[in-house]
Amino acid sequence: MCEIYAGQDPGRYRPINRSVRIAGHSTSIQLEAAFWVLIDEIAETQGCSTARFLSTLHDEALEINGSISNFSSLLRTSCLIYLMNNNKAMPERVPFKIIAAK
Protein backbone atom coordinates (compact mmCIF):
# COMPACT_ATOMS: atom_id res chain seq x y z
CA MET A 1 0.00 0.00 0.00
CA CYS A 2 2.69 2.53 0.92
CA GLU A 3 4.56 2.06 -2.37
CA ILE A 4 2.20 4.55 -3.99
CA TYR A 5 3.19 7.16 -1.43
CA ALA A 6 6.75 6.16 -0.53
CA GLY A 7 7.79 5.55 -4.13
CA GLN A 8 6.78 8.95 -5.46
CA ASP A 9 9.29 11.22 -7.17
CA PRO A 10 11.08 13.27 -4.45
CA GLY A 11 10.71 16.31 -6.68
CA ARG A 12 6.98 16.31 -5.90
CA TYR A 13 7.56 17.09 -2.23
CA ARG A 14 10.52 19.41 -2.72
CA PRO A 15 9.74 22.74 -1.04
CA ILE A 16 9.45 25.72 -3.38
CA ASN A 17 9.25 29.36 -2.32
CA ARG A 18 7.35 31.84 -4.47
CA SER A 19 7.22 35.56 -3.91
CA VAL A 20 3.76 37.05 -4.35
CA ARG A 21 1.95 40.28 -3.59
CA ILE A 22 -1.07 39.84 -1.34
CA ALA A 23 -3.12 42.72 0.02
CA GLY A 24 -0.50 45.13 -1.27
CA HIS A 25 2.38 43.42 0.55
CA SER A 26 5.12 41.27 -0.90
CA THR A 27 5.39 37.92 0.82
CA SER A 28 6.93 34.52 0.26
CA ILE A 29 4.93 31.30 0.33
CA GLN A 30 6.60 27.91 0.69
CA LEU A 31 4.74 24.85 -0.53
CA GLU A 32 5.71 21.49 -1.93
CA ALA A 33 6.14 21.34 -5.72
CA ALA A 34 3.02 19.17 -6.18
CA PHE A 35 0.86 21.84 -4.52
CA TRP A 36 2.23 24.57 -6.80
CA VAL A 37 1.33 22.44 -9.82
CA LEU A 38 -2.24 22.19 -8.55
CA ILE A 39 -2.48 25.87 -7.61
CA ASP A 40 -1.32 26.83 -11.10
CA GLU A 41 -3.97 24.47 -12.51
CA ILE A 42 -6.70 25.89 -10.28
CA ALA A 43 -5.79 29.44 -11.29
CA GLU A 44 -5.95 28.46 -14.95
CA THR A 45 -9.41 26.95 -14.49
CA GLN A 46 -10.48 30.24 -12.88
CA GLY A 47 -9.18 32.16 -15.89
CA CYS A 48 -6.55 34.12 -14.02
CA SER A 49 -2.87 34.15 -13.17
CA THR A 50 -1.63 32.31 -10.11
CA ALA A 51 -0.79 35.62 -8.45
CA ARG A 52 -4.33 36.93 -9.04
CA PHE A 53 -5.85 33.66 -7.78
CA LEU A 54 -3.79 33.76 -4.57
CA SER A 55 -4.69 37.38 -3.93
CA THR A 56 -8.39 36.79 -4.58
CA LEU A 57 -8.47 33.66 -2.42
CA HIS A 58 -6.75 35.54 0.41
CA ASP A 59 -9.15 38.49 0.20
CA GLU A 60 -12.25 36.28 0.06
CA ALA A 61 -11.12 34.04 2.93
CA LEU A 62 -10.34 37.11 5.00
CA GLU A 63 -13.78 38.55 4.26
CA ILE A 64 -15.56 35.28 5.12
CA ASN A 65 -13.52 34.25 8.17
CA GLY A 66 -12.19 37.55 9.51
CA SER A 67 -8.62 36.24 9.68
CA ILE A 68 -6.33 33.65 8.13
CA SER A 69 -4.11 31.93 10.67
CA ASN A 70 -2.10 29.91 8.14
CA PHE A 71 -2.36 30.82 4.45
CA SER A 72 -0.12 27.92 3.36
CA SER A 73 -2.48 25.46 5.04
CA LEU A 74 -5.44 27.18 3.39
CA LEU A 75 -3.72 26.65 0.03
CA ARG A 76 -3.02 22.96 0.72
CA THR A 77 -6.60 22.26 1.78
CA SER A 78 -7.87 24.23 -1.23
CA CYS A 79 -5.86 21.81 -3.39
CA LEU A 80 -7.53 18.89 -1.61
CA ILE A 81 -10.98 20.35 -2.23
CA TYR A 82 -10.07 20.84 -5.88
CA LEU A 83 -8.92 17.21 -6.19
CA MET A 84 -12.00 15.87 -4.41
CA ASN A 85 -14.24 17.82 -6.78
CA ASN A 86 -12.21 17.17 -9.92
CA ASN A 87 -13.64 14.52 -12.23
CA LYS A 88 -10.54 14.06 -14.39
CA ALA A 89 -9.14 10.55 -14.20
CA MET A 90 -5.50 10.77 -13.18
CA PRO A 91 -3.80 7.57 -12.03
CA GLU A 92 -1.58 9.30 -9.45
CA ARG A 93 -4.59 10.75 -7.66
CA VAL A 94 -5.65 8.58 -4.76
CA PRO A 95 -9.19 9.05 -3.42
CA PHE A 96 -9.65 9.59 0.28
CA LYS A 97 -12.40 10.36 2.72
CA ILE A 98 -12.34 12.80 5.65
CA ILE A 99 -13.40 11.11 8.87
CA ALA A 100 -14.67 13.36 11.64
CA ALA A 101 -12.96 13.01 15.01
CA LYS A 102 -15.12 11.53 17.74
PDB file of N, CA and C in Angstrom:
ATOM      1  N   MET A   1       0.818  -1.195   0.000  1.00  0.00           N
ATOM      2  CA  MET A   1       0.000   0.000   0.000  1.00  0.00           C
ATOM      3  C   MET A   1       0.859   1.255   0.000  1.00  0.00           C
ATOM      4  N   CYS A   2       1.899   1.310   0.796  1.00  0.00           N
ATOM      5  CA  CYS A   2       2.686   2.534   0.924  1.00  0.00           C
ATOM      6  C   CYS A   2       3.585   2.802  -0.276  1.00  0.00           C
ATOM      7  N   GLU A   3       3.734   1.837  -1.196  1.00  0.00           N
ATOM      8  CA  GLU A   3       4.562   2.061  -2.374  1.00  0.00           C
ATOM      9  C   GLU A   3       4.066   3.254  -3.182  1.00  0.00           C
ATOM     10  N   ILE A   4       2.769   3.423  -3.254  1.00  0.00           N
ATOM     11  CA  ILE A   4       2.197   4.549  -3.992  1.00  0.00           C
ATOM     12  C   ILE A   4       2.711   5.855  -3.411  1.00  0.00           C
ATOM     13  N   TYR A   5       2.779   5.936  -2.107  1.00  0.00           N
ATOM     14  CA  TYR A   5       3.191   7.157  -1.432  1.00  0.00           C
ATOM     15  C   TYR A   5       4.711   7.230  -1.280  1.00  0.00           C
ATOM     16  N   ALA A   6       5.308   6.161  -0.795  1.00  0.00           N
ATOM     17  CA  ALA A   6       6.748   6.164  -0.533  1.00  0.00           C
ATOM     18  C   ALA A   6       7.573   6.190  -1.813  1.00  0.00           C
ATOM     19  N   GLY A   7       7.044   5.644  -2.886  1.00  0.00           N
ATOM     20  CA  GLY A   7       7.793   5.555  -4.126  1.00  0.00           C
ATOM     21  C   GLY A   7       7.644   6.743  -5.054  1.00  0.00           C
ATOM     22  N   GLN A   8       6.979   7.788  -4.586  1.00  0.00           N
ATOM     23  CA  GLN A   8       6.783   8.948  -5.461  1.00  0.00           C
ATOM     24  C   GLN A   8       8.097   9.680  -5.711  1.00  0.00           C
ATOM     25  N   ASP A   9       8.128  10.428  -6.791  1.00  0.00           N
ATOM     26  CA  ASP A   9       9.287  11.225  -7.166  1.00  0.00           C
ATOM     27  C   ASP A   9       9.553  12.260  -6.070  1.00  0.00           C
ATOM     28  N   PRO A  10      10.764  12.292  -5.499  1.00  0.00           N
ATOM     29  CA  PRO A  10      11.076  13.267  -4.448  1.00  0.00           C
ATOM     30  C   PRO A  10      10.894  14.718  -4.899  1.00  0.00           C
ATOM     31  N   GLY A  11      10.938  14.960  -6.186  1.00  0.00           N
ATOM     32  CA  GLY A  11      10.707  16.313  -6.683  1.00  0.00           C
ATOM     33  C   GLY A  11       9.314  16.818  -6.384  1.00  0.00           C
ATOM     34  N   ARG A  12       8.360  15.919  -6.198  1.00  0.00           N
ATOM     35  CA  ARG A  12       6.976  16.310  -5.901  1.00  0.00           C
ATOM     36  C   ARG A  12       6.846  16.949  -4.529  1.00  0.00           C
ATOM     37  N   TYR A  13       7.663  16.514  -3.572  1.00  0.00           N
ATOM     38  CA  TYR A  13       7.556  17.087  -2.227  1.00  0.00           C
ATOM     39  C   TYR A  13       8.710  18.027  -1.890  1.00  0.00           C
ATOM     40  N   ARG A  14       9.453  18.413  -2.892  1.00  0.00           N
ATOM     41  CA  ARG A  14      10.521  19.406  -2.720  1.00  0.00           C
ATOM     42  C   ARG A  14       9.864  20.751  -2.416  1.00  0.00           C
ATOM     43  N   PRO A  15      10.335  21.442  -1.359  1.00  0.00           N
ATOM     44  CA  PRO A  15       9.741  22.741  -1.043  1.00  0.00           C
ATOM     45  C   PRO A  15      10.163  23.804  -2.056  1.00  0.00           C
ATOM     46  N   ILE A  16       9.204  24.626  -2.445  1.00  0.00           N
ATOM     47  CA  ILE A  16       9.450  25.722  -3.380  1.00  0.00           C
ATOM     48  C   ILE A  16       8.882  26.995  -2.773  1.00  0.00           C
ATOM     49  N   ASN A  17       9.693  28.045  -2.775  1.00  0.00           N
ATOM     50  CA  ASN A  17       9.249  29.361  -2.322  1.00  0.00           C
ATOM     51  C   ASN A  17       8.877  30.203  -3.530  1.00  0.00           C
ATOM     52  N   ARG A  18       7.756  30.884  -3.439  1.00  0.00           N
ATOM     53  CA  ARG A  18       7.352  31.840  -4.471  1.00  0.00           C
ATOM     54  C   ARG A  18       7.048  33.168  -3.787  1.00  0.00           C
ATOM     55  N   SER A  19       7.528  34.219  -4.401  1.00  0.00           N
ATOM     56  CA  SER A  19       7.215  35.560  -3.909  1.00  0.00           C
ATOM     57  C   SER A  19       5.957  36.050  -4.606  1.00  0.00           C
ATOM     58  N   VAL A  20       5.023  36.537  -3.818  1.00  0.00           N
ATOM     59  CA  VAL A  20       3.756  37.047  -4.352  1.00  0.00           C
ATOM     60  C   VAL A  20       3.373  38.332  -3.618  1.00  0.00           C
ATOM     61  N   ARG A  21       2.478  39.069  -4.218  1.00  0.00           N
ATOM     62  CA  ARG A  21       1.952  40.282  -3.591  1.00  0.00           C
ATOM     63  C   ARG A  21       0.510  39.997  -3.181  1.00  0.00           C
ATOM     64  N   ILE A  22       0.265  40.087  -1.877  1.00  0.00           N
ATOM     65  CA  ILE A  22      -1.069  39.840  -1.335  1.00  0.00           C
ATOM     66  C   ILE A  22      -1.451  41.029  -0.462  1.00  0.00           C
ATOM     67  N   ALA A  23      -2.621  41.563  -0.727  1.00  0.00           N
ATOM     68  CA  ALA A  23      -3.123  42.719   0.023  1.00  0.00           C
ATOM     69  C   ALA A  23      -2.114  43.862   0.010  1.00  0.00           C
ATOM     70  N   GLY A  24      -1.444  44.037  -1.122  1.00  0.00           N
ATOM     71  CA  GLY A  24      -0.503  45.134  -1.274  1.00  0.00           C
ATOM     72  C   GLY A  24       0.861  44.908  -0.660  1.00  0.00           C
ATOM     73  N   HIS A  25       1.098  43.721  -0.106  1.00  0.00           N
ATOM     74  CA  HIS A  25       2.376  43.423   0.546  1.00  0.00           C
ATOM     75  C   HIS A  25       3.058  42.251  -0.149  1.00  0.00           C
ATOM     76  N   SER A  26       4.363  42.384  -0.349  1.00  0.00           N
ATOM     77  CA  SER A  26       5.124  41.267  -0.901  1.00  0.00           C
ATOM     78  C   SER A  26       5.362  40.254   0.197  1.00  0.00           C
ATOM     79  N   THR A  27       5.172  38.997  -0.141  1.00  0.00           N
ATOM     80  CA  THR A  27       5.390  37.921   0.824  1.00  0.00           C
ATOM     81  C   THR A  27       5.915  36.696   0.090  1.00  0.00           C
ATOM     82  N   SER A  28       6.427  35.760   0.830  1.00  0.00           N
ATOM     83  CA  SER A  28       6.930  34.520   0.261  1.00  0.00           C
ATOM     84  C   SER A  28       6.106  33.365   0.808  1.00  0.00           C
ATOM     85  N   ILE A  29       5.714  32.469  -0.070  1.00  0.00           N
ATOM     86  CA  ILE A  29       4.933  31.301   0.331  1.00  0.00           C
ATOM     87  C   ILE A  29       5.726  30.054  -0.030  1.00  0.00           C
ATOM     88  N   GLN A  30       5.898  29.166   0.933  1.00  0.00           N
ATOM     89  CA  GLN A  30       6.603  27.910   0.694  1.00  0.00           C
ATOM     90  C   GLN A  30       5.610  26.763   0.712  1.00  0.00           C
ATOM     91  N   LEU A  31       5.569  26.046  -0.402  1.00  0.00           N
ATOM     92  CA  LEU A  31       4.737  24.850  -0.531  1.00  0.00           C
ATOM     93  C   LEU A  31       5.535  23.792  -1.290  1.00  0.00           C
ATOM     94  N   GLU A  32       5.108  22.566  -1.173  1.00  0.00           N
ATOM     95  CA  GLU A  32       5.709  21.487  -1.928  1.00  0.00           C
ATOM     96  C   GLU A  32       5.375  21.657  -3.407  1.00  0.00           C
ATOM     97  N   ALA A  33       6.278  21.176  -4.269  1.00  0.00           N
ATOM     98  CA  ALA A  33       6.141  21.343  -5.721  1.00  0.00           C
ATOM     99  C   ALA A  33       4.783  20.847  -6.222  1.00  0.00           C
ATOM    100  N   ALA A  34       4.306  19.727  -5.724  1.00  0.00           N
ATOM    101  CA  ALA A  34       3.022  19.170  -6.180  1.00  0.00           C
ATOM    102  C   ALA A  34       1.867  20.135  -5.921  1.00  0.00           C
ATOM    103  N   PHE A  35       1.920  20.871  -4.806  1.00  0.00           N
ATOM    104  CA  PHE A  35       0.865  21.839  -4.517  1.00  0.00           C
ATOM    105  C   PHE A  35       0.923  23.016  -5.482  1.00  0.00           C
ATOM    106  N   TRP A  36       2.124  23.461  -5.838  1.00  0.00           N
ATOM    107  CA  TRP A  36       2.235  24.566  -6.804  1.00  0.00           C
ATOM    108  C   TRP A  36       1.677  24.167  -8.163  1.00  0.00           C
ATOM    109  N   VAL A  37       1.899  22.920  -8.554  1.00  0.00           N
ATOM    110  CA  VAL A  37       1.333  22.440  -9.820  1.00  0.00           C
ATOM    111  C   VAL A  37      -0.186  22.553  -9.776  1.00  0.00           C
ATOM    112  N   LEU A  38      -0.782  22.125  -8.682  1.00  0.00           N
ATOM    113  CA  LEU A  38      -2.242  22.192  -8.547  1.00  0.00           C
ATOM    114  C   LEU A  38      -2.743  23.628  -8.453  1.00  0.00           C
ATOM    115  N   ILE A  39      -2.046  24.476  -7.726  1.00  0.00           N
ATOM    116  CA  ILE A  39      -2.476  25.872  -7.609  1.00  0.00           C
ATOM    117  C   ILE A  39      -2.437  26.554  -8.969  1.00  0.00           C
ATOM    118  N   ASP A  40      -1.384  26.285  -9.740  1.00  0.00           N
ATOM    119  CA  ASP A  40      -1.324  26.835 -11.103  1.00  0.00           C
ATOM    120  C   ASP A  40      -2.502  26.336 -11.940  1.00  0.00           C
ATOM    121  N   GLU A  41      -2.850  25.059 -11.778  1.00  0.00           N
ATOM    122  CA  GLU A  41      -3.972  24.470 -12.514  1.00  0.00           C
ATOM    123  C   GLU A  41      -5.299  25.098 -12.082  1.00  0.00           C
ATOM    124  N   ILE A  42      -5.479  25.275 -10.788  1.00  0.00           N
ATOM    125  CA  ILE A  42      -6.703  25.892 -10.284  1.00  0.00           C
ATOM    126  C   ILE A  42      -6.836  27.309 -10.833  1.00  0.00           C
ATOM    127  N   ALA A  43      -5.761  28.070 -10.776  1.00  0.00           N
ATOM    128  CA  ALA A  43      -5.785  29.444 -11.288  1.00  0.00           C
ATOM    129  C   ALA A  43      -6.182  29.456 -12.756  1.00  0.00           C
ATOM    130  N   GLU A  44      -5.617  28.543 -13.520  1.00  0.00           N
ATOM    131  CA  GLU A  44      -5.949  28.463 -14.945  1.00  0.00           C
ATOM    132  C   GLU A  44      -7.428  28.169 -15.152  1.00  0.00           C
ATOM    133  N   THR A  45      -7.986  27.263 -14.351  1.00  0.00           N
ATOM    134  CA  THR A  45      -9.413  26.948 -14.494  1.00  0.00           C
ATOM    135  C   THR A  45     -10.287  28.142 -14.118  1.00  0.00           C
ATOM    136  N   GLN A  46      -9.755  29.039 -13.279  1.00  0.00           N
ATOM    137  CA  GLN A  46     -10.483  30.243 -12.876  1.00  0.00           C
ATOM    138  C   GLN A  46     -10.270  31.387 -13.863  1.00  0.00           C
ATOM    139  N   GLY A  47      -9.423  31.147 -14.861  1.00  0.00           N
ATOM    140  CA  GLY A  47      -9.179  32.157 -15.891  1.00  0.00           C
ATOM    141  C   GLY A  47      -8.325  33.322 -15.437  1.00  0.00           C
ATOM    142  N   CYS A  48      -7.407  33.041 -14.503  1.00  0.00           N
ATOM    143  CA  CYS A  48      -6.548  34.124 -14.024  1.00  0.00           C
ATOM    144  C   CYS A  48      -5.141  33.603 -13.759  1.00  0.00           C
ATOM    145  N   SER A  49      -4.248  34.523 -13.502  1.00  0.00           N
ATOM    146  CA  SER A  49      -2.874  34.149 -13.166  1.00  0.00           C
ATOM    147  C   SER A  49      -2.849  33.553 -11.759  1.00  0.00           C
ATOM    148  N   THR A  50      -1.778  32.860 -11.452  1.00  0.00           N
ATOM    149  CA  THR A  50      -1.633  32.308 -10.108  1.00  0.00           C
ATOM    150  C   THR A  50      -1.588  33.424  -9.079  1.00  0.00           C
ATOM    151  N   ALA A  51      -0.874  34.494  -9.381  1.00  0.00           N
ATOM    152  CA  ALA A  51      -0.789  35.623  -8.451  1.00  0.00           C
ATOM    153  C   ALA A  51      -2.171  36.207  -8.169  1.00  0.00           C
ATOM    154  N   ARG A  52      -2.979  36.385  -9.201  1.00  0.00           N
ATOM    155  CA  ARG A  52      -4.327  36.929  -9.036  1.00  0.00           C
ATOM    156  C   ARG A  52      -5.193  35.948  -8.232  1.00  0.00           C
ATOM    157  N   PHE A  53      -5.078  34.657  -8.517  1.00  0.00           N
ATOM    158  CA  PHE A  53      -5.848  33.660  -7.780  1.00  0.00           C
ATOM    159  C   PHE A  53      -5.502  33.702  -6.295  1.00  0.00           C
ATOM    160  N   LEU A  54      -4.208  33.735  -5.973  1.00  0.00           N
ATOM    161  CA  LEU A  54      -3.787  33.761  -4.568  1.00  0.00           C
ATOM    162  C   LEU A  54      -4.308  35.003  -3.855  1.00  0.00           C
ATOM    163  N   SER A  55      -4.218  36.135  -4.522  1.00  0.00           N
ATOM    164  CA  SER A  55      -4.686  37.385  -3.933  1.00  0.00           C
ATOM    165  C   SER A  55      -6.196  37.359  -3.708  1.00  0.00           C
ATOM    166  N   THR A  56      -6.936  36.872  -4.699  1.00  0.00           N
ATOM    167  CA  THR A  56      -8.393  36.789  -4.584  1.00  0.00           C
ATOM    168  C   THR A  56      -8.802  35.811  -3.489  1.00  0.00           C
ATOM    169  N   LEU A  57      -8.162  34.655  -3.450  1.00  0.00           N
ATOM    170  CA  LEU A  57      -8.465  33.662  -2.416  1.00  0.00           C
ATOM    171  C   LEU A  57      -8.197  34.248  -1.035  1.00  0.00           C
ATOM    172  N   HIS A  58      -7.084  34.916  -0.877  1.00  0.00           N
ATOM    173  CA  HIS A  58      -6.745  35.539   0.405  1.00  0.00           C
ATOM    174  C   HIS A  58      -7.812  36.553   0.815  1.00  0.00           C
ATOM    175  N   ASP A  59      -8.161  37.448  -0.113  1.00  0.00           N
ATOM    176  CA  ASP A  59      -9.146  38.488   0.195  1.00  0.00           C
ATOM    177  C   ASP A  59     -10.500  37.899   0.547  1.00  0.00           C
ATOM    178  N   GLU A  60     -10.946  36.888  -0.202  1.00  0.00           N
ATOM    179  CA  GLU A  60     -12.254  36.283   0.061  1.00  0.00           C
ATOM    180  C   GLU A  60     -12.267  35.506   1.369  1.00  0.00           C
ATOM    181  N   ALA A  61     -11.186  34.780   1.663  1.00  0.00           N
ATOM    182  CA  ALA A  61     -11.116  34.037   2.930  1.00  0.00           C
ATOM    183  C   ALA A  61     -11.095  34.994   4.111  1.00  0.00           C
ATOM    184  N   LEU A  62     -10.395  36.099   3.952  1.00  0.00           N
ATOM    185  CA  LEU A  62     -10.343  37.114   5.003  1.00  0.00           C
ATOM    186  C   LEU A  62     -11.730  37.724   5.234  1.00  0.00           C
ATOM    187  N   GLU A  63     -12.437  37.985   4.146  1.00  0.00           N
ATOM    188  CA  GLU A  63     -13.785  38.550   4.258  1.00  0.00           C
ATOM    189  C   GLU A  63     -14.745  37.560   4.927  1.00  0.00           C
ATOM    190  N   ILE A  64     -14.654  36.295   4.576  1.00  0.00           N
ATOM    191  CA  ILE A  64     -15.563  35.285   5.116  1.00  0.00           C
ATOM    192  C   ILE A  64     -15.231  34.928   6.559  1.00  0.00           C
ATOM    193  N   ASN A  65     -13.933  34.759   6.858  1.00  0.00           N
ATOM    194  CA  ASN A  65     -13.516  34.249   8.169  1.00  0.00           C
ATOM    195  C   ASN A  65     -12.992  35.307   9.133  1.00  0.00           C
ATOM    196  N   GLY A  66     -12.697  36.493   8.636  1.00  0.00           N
ATOM    197  CA  GLY A  66     -12.191  37.554   9.508  1.00  0.00           C
ATOM    198  C   GLY A  66     -10.687  37.526   9.707  1.00  0.00           C
ATOM    199  N   SER A  67     -10.076  36.366   9.569  1.00  0.00           N
ATOM    200  CA  SER A  67      -8.620  36.237   9.679  1.00  0.00           C
ATOM    201  C   SER A  67      -8.189  34.941   9.002  1.00  0.00           C
ATOM    202  N   ILE A  68      -6.906  34.864   8.713  1.00  0.00           N
ATOM    203  CA  ILE A  68      -6.328  33.651   8.130  1.00  0.00           C
ATOM    204  C   ILE A  68      -5.109  33.315   8.973  1.00  0.00           C
ATOM    205  N   SER A  69      -5.210  32.263   9.752  1.00  0.00           N
ATOM    206  CA  SER A  69      -4.110  31.928  10.666  1.00  0.00           C
ATOM    207  C   SER A  69      -2.923  31.283   9.954  1.00  0.00           C
ATOM    208  N   ASN A  70      -3.187  30.588   8.847  1.00  0.00           N
ATOM    209  CA  ASN A  70      -2.102  29.908   8.140  1.00  0.00           C
ATOM    210  C   ASN A  70      -2.476  29.803   6.664  1.00  0.00           C
ATOM    211  N   PHE A  71      -1.995  30.765   5.859  1.00  0.00           N
ATOM    212  CA  PHE A  71      -2.361  30.817   4.450  1.00  0.00           C
ATOM    213  C   PHE A  71      -1.842  29.605   3.687  1.00  0.00           C
ATOM    214  N   SER A  72      -0.660  29.112   4.031  1.00  0.00           N
ATOM    215  CA  SER A  72      -0.125  27.916   3.360  1.00  0.00           C
ATOM    216  C   SER A  72      -1.035  26.707   3.569  1.00  0.00           C
ATOM    217  N   SER A  73      -1.544  26.558   4.780  1.00  0.00           N
ATOM    218  CA  SER A  73      -2.478  25.460   5.044  1.00  0.00           C
ATOM    219  C   SER A  73      -3.778  25.650   4.281  1.00  0.00           C
ATOM    220  N   LEU A  74      -4.242  26.887   4.183  1.00  0.00           N
ATOM    221  CA  LEU A  74      -5.439  27.178   3.393  1.00  0.00           C
ATOM    222  C   LEU A  74      -5.215  26.760   1.942  1.00  0.00           C
ATOM    223  N   LEU A  75      -4.020  27.035   1.406  1.00  0.00           N
ATOM    224  CA  LEU A  75      -3.720  26.650   0.030  1.00  0.00           C
ATOM    225  C   LEU A  75      -3.689  25.134  -0.132  1.00  0.00           C
ATOM    226  N   ARG A  76      -3.078  24.434   0.811  1.00  0.00           N
ATOM    227  CA  ARG A  76      -3.023  22.963   0.720  1.00  0.00           C
ATOM    228  C   ARG A  76      -4.423  22.351   0.770  1.00  0.00           C
ATOM    229  N   THR A  77      -5.248  22.830   1.684  1.00  0.00           N
ATOM    230  CA  THR A  77      -6.597  22.264   1.780  1.00  0.00           C
ATOM    231  C   THR A  77      -7.448  22.680   0.586  1.00  0.00           C
ATOM    232  N   SER A  78      -7.178  23.837   0.004  1.00  0.00           N
ATOM    233  CA  SER A  78      -7.866  24.229  -1.230  1.00  0.00           C
ATOM    234  C   SER A  78      -7.524  23.250  -2.348  1.00  0.00           C
ATOM    235  N   CYS A  79      -6.271  22.822  -2.396  1.00  0.00           N
ATOM    236  CA  CYS A  79      -5.864  21.812  -3.388  1.00  0.00           C
ATOM    237  C   CYS A  79      -6.611  20.503  -3.157  1.00  0.00           C
ATOM    238  N   LEU A  80      -6.790  20.117  -1.903  1.00  0.00           N
ATOM    239  CA  LEU A  80      -7.531  18.889  -1.606  1.00  0.00           C
ATOM    240  C   LEU A  80      -8.990  19.001  -2.049  1.00  0.00           C
ATOM    241  N   ILE A  81      -9.598  20.139  -1.788  1.00  0.00           N
ATOM    242  CA  ILE A  81     -10.981  20.355  -2.227  1.00  0.00           C
ATOM    243  C   ILE A  81     -11.059  20.265  -3.743  1.00  0.00           C
ATOM    244  N   TYR A  82     -10.104  20.885  -4.417  1.00  0.00           N
ATOM    245  CA  TYR A  82     -10.068  20.839  -5.878  1.00  0.00           C
ATOM    246  C   TYR A  82      -9.970  19.396  -6.370  1.00  0.00           C
ATOM    247  N   LEU A  83      -9.082  18.615  -5.776  1.00  0.00           N
ATOM    248  CA  LEU A  83      -8.916  17.213  -6.187  1.00  0.00           C
ATOM    249  C   LEU A  83     -10.168  16.392  -5.909  1.00  0.00           C
ATOM    250  N   MET A  84     -10.799  16.621  -4.761  1.00  0.00           N
ATOM    251  CA  MET A  84     -11.999  15.866  -4.411  1.00  0.00           C
ATOM    252  C   MET A  84     -13.151  16.181  -5.358  1.00  0.00           C
ATOM    253  N   ASN A  85     -13.163  17.404  -5.886  1.00  0.00           N
ATOM    254  CA  ASN A  85     -14.241  17.817  -6.783  1.00  0.00           C
ATOM    255  C   ASN A  85     -13.900  17.659  -8.255  1.00  0.00           C
ATOM    256  N   ASN A  86     -12.675  17.281  -8.543  1.00  0.00           N
ATOM    257  CA  ASN A  86     -12.209  17.171  -9.920  1.00  0.00           C
ATOM    258  C   ASN A  86     -12.598  15.803 -10.466  1.00  0.00           C
ATOM    259  N   ASN A  87     -13.196  15.774 -11.639  1.00  0.00           N
ATOM    260  CA  ASN A  87     -13.639  14.516 -12.229  1.00  0.00           C
ATOM    261  C   ASN A  87     -12.648  13.918 -13.212  1.00  0.00           C
ATOM    262  N   LYS A  88     -11.528  14.603 -13.455  1.00  0.00           N
ATOM    263  CA  LYS A  88     -10.544  14.065 -14.386  1.00  0.00           C
ATOM    264  C   LYS A  88      -9.929  12.799 -13.804  1.00  0.00           C
ATOM    265  N   ALA A  89      -9.763  11.803 -14.639  1.00  0.00           N
ATOM    266  CA  ALA A  89      -9.136  10.547 -14.197  1.00  0.00           C
ATOM    267  C   ALA A  89      -7.633  10.683 -14.321  1.00  0.00           C
ATOM    268  N   MET A  90      -6.953  10.707 -13.185  1.00  0.00           N
ATOM    269  CA  MET A  90      -5.504  10.771 -13.181  1.00  0.00           C
ATOM    270  C   MET A  90      -4.999   9.655 -12.280  1.00  0.00           C
ATOM    271  N   PRO A  91      -4.198   8.732 -12.807  1.00  0.00           N
ATOM    272  CA  PRO A  91      -3.796   7.566 -12.031  1.00  0.00           C
ATOM    273  C   PRO A  91      -3.052   7.885 -10.746  1.00  0.00           C
ATOM    274  N   GLU A  92      -2.322   9.007 -10.673  1.00  0.00           N
ATOM    275  CA  GLU A  92      -1.576   9.297  -9.455  1.00  0.00           C
ATOM    276  C   GLU A  92      -2.441   9.914  -8.367  1.00  0.00           C
ATOM    277  N   ARG A  93      -3.693  10.189  -8.660  1.00  0.00           N
ATOM    278  CA  ARG A  93      -4.592  10.750  -7.659  1.00  0.00           C
ATOM    279  C   ARG A  93      -5.271   9.616  -6.905  1.00  0.00           C
ATOM    280  N   VAL A  94      -5.097   9.637  -5.606  1.00  0.00           N
ATOM    281  CA  VAL A  94      -5.646   8.584  -4.760  1.00  0.00           C
ATOM    282  C   VAL A  94      -6.833   9.144  -3.989  1.00  0.00           C
ATOM    283  N   PRO A  95      -8.027   8.538  -4.137  1.00  0.00           N
ATOM    284  CA  PRO A  95      -9.194   9.053  -3.416  1.00  0.00           C
ATOM    285  C   PRO A  95      -9.050   8.849  -1.912  1.00  0.00           C
ATOM    286  N   PHE A  96      -9.650   9.739  -1.157  1.00  0.00           N
ATOM    287  CA  PHE A  96      -9.651   9.588   0.282  1.00  0.00           C
ATOM    288  C   PHE A  96     -10.928  10.206   0.830  1.00  0.00           C
ATOM    289  N   LYS A  97     -11.182   9.909   2.091  1.00  0.00           N
ATOM    290  CA  LYS A  97     -12.402  10.364   2.723  1.00  0.00           C
ATOM    291  C   LYS A  97     -12.019  10.997   4.059  1.00  0.00           C
ATOM    292  N   ILE A  98     -12.606  12.151   4.383  1.00  0.00           N
ATOM    293  CA  ILE A  98     -12.337  12.802   5.649  1.00  0.00           C
ATOM    294  C   ILE A  98     -13.251  12.173   6.697  1.00  0.00           C
ATOM    295  N   ILE A  99     -12.650  11.751   7.787  1.00  0.00           N
ATOM    296  CA  ILE A  99     -13.397  11.114   8.869  1.00  0.00           C
ATOM    297  C   ILE A  99     -13.390  12.073  10.051  1.00  0.00           C
ATOM    298  N   ALA A 100     -14.557  12.428  10.519  1.00  0.00           N
ATOM    299  CA  ALA A 100     -14.667  13.361  11.637  1.00  0.00           C
ATOM    300  C   ALA A 100     -14.147  12.716  12.918  1.00  0.00           C
ATOM    301  N   ALA A 101     -13.450  13.501  13.722  1.00  0.00           N
ATOM    302  CA  ALA A 101     -12.958  13.015  15.005  1.00  0.00           C
ATOM    303  C   ALA A 101     -14.128  12.829  15.958  1.00  0.00           C
ATOM    304  N   LYS A 102     -14.041  11.808  16.771  1.00  0.00           N
ATOM    305  CA  LYS A 102     -15.123  11.531  17.736  1.00  0.00           C
ATOM    306  C   LYS A 102     -14.835  12.165  19.062  1.00  0.00           C
TER     307      LYS A 102
END
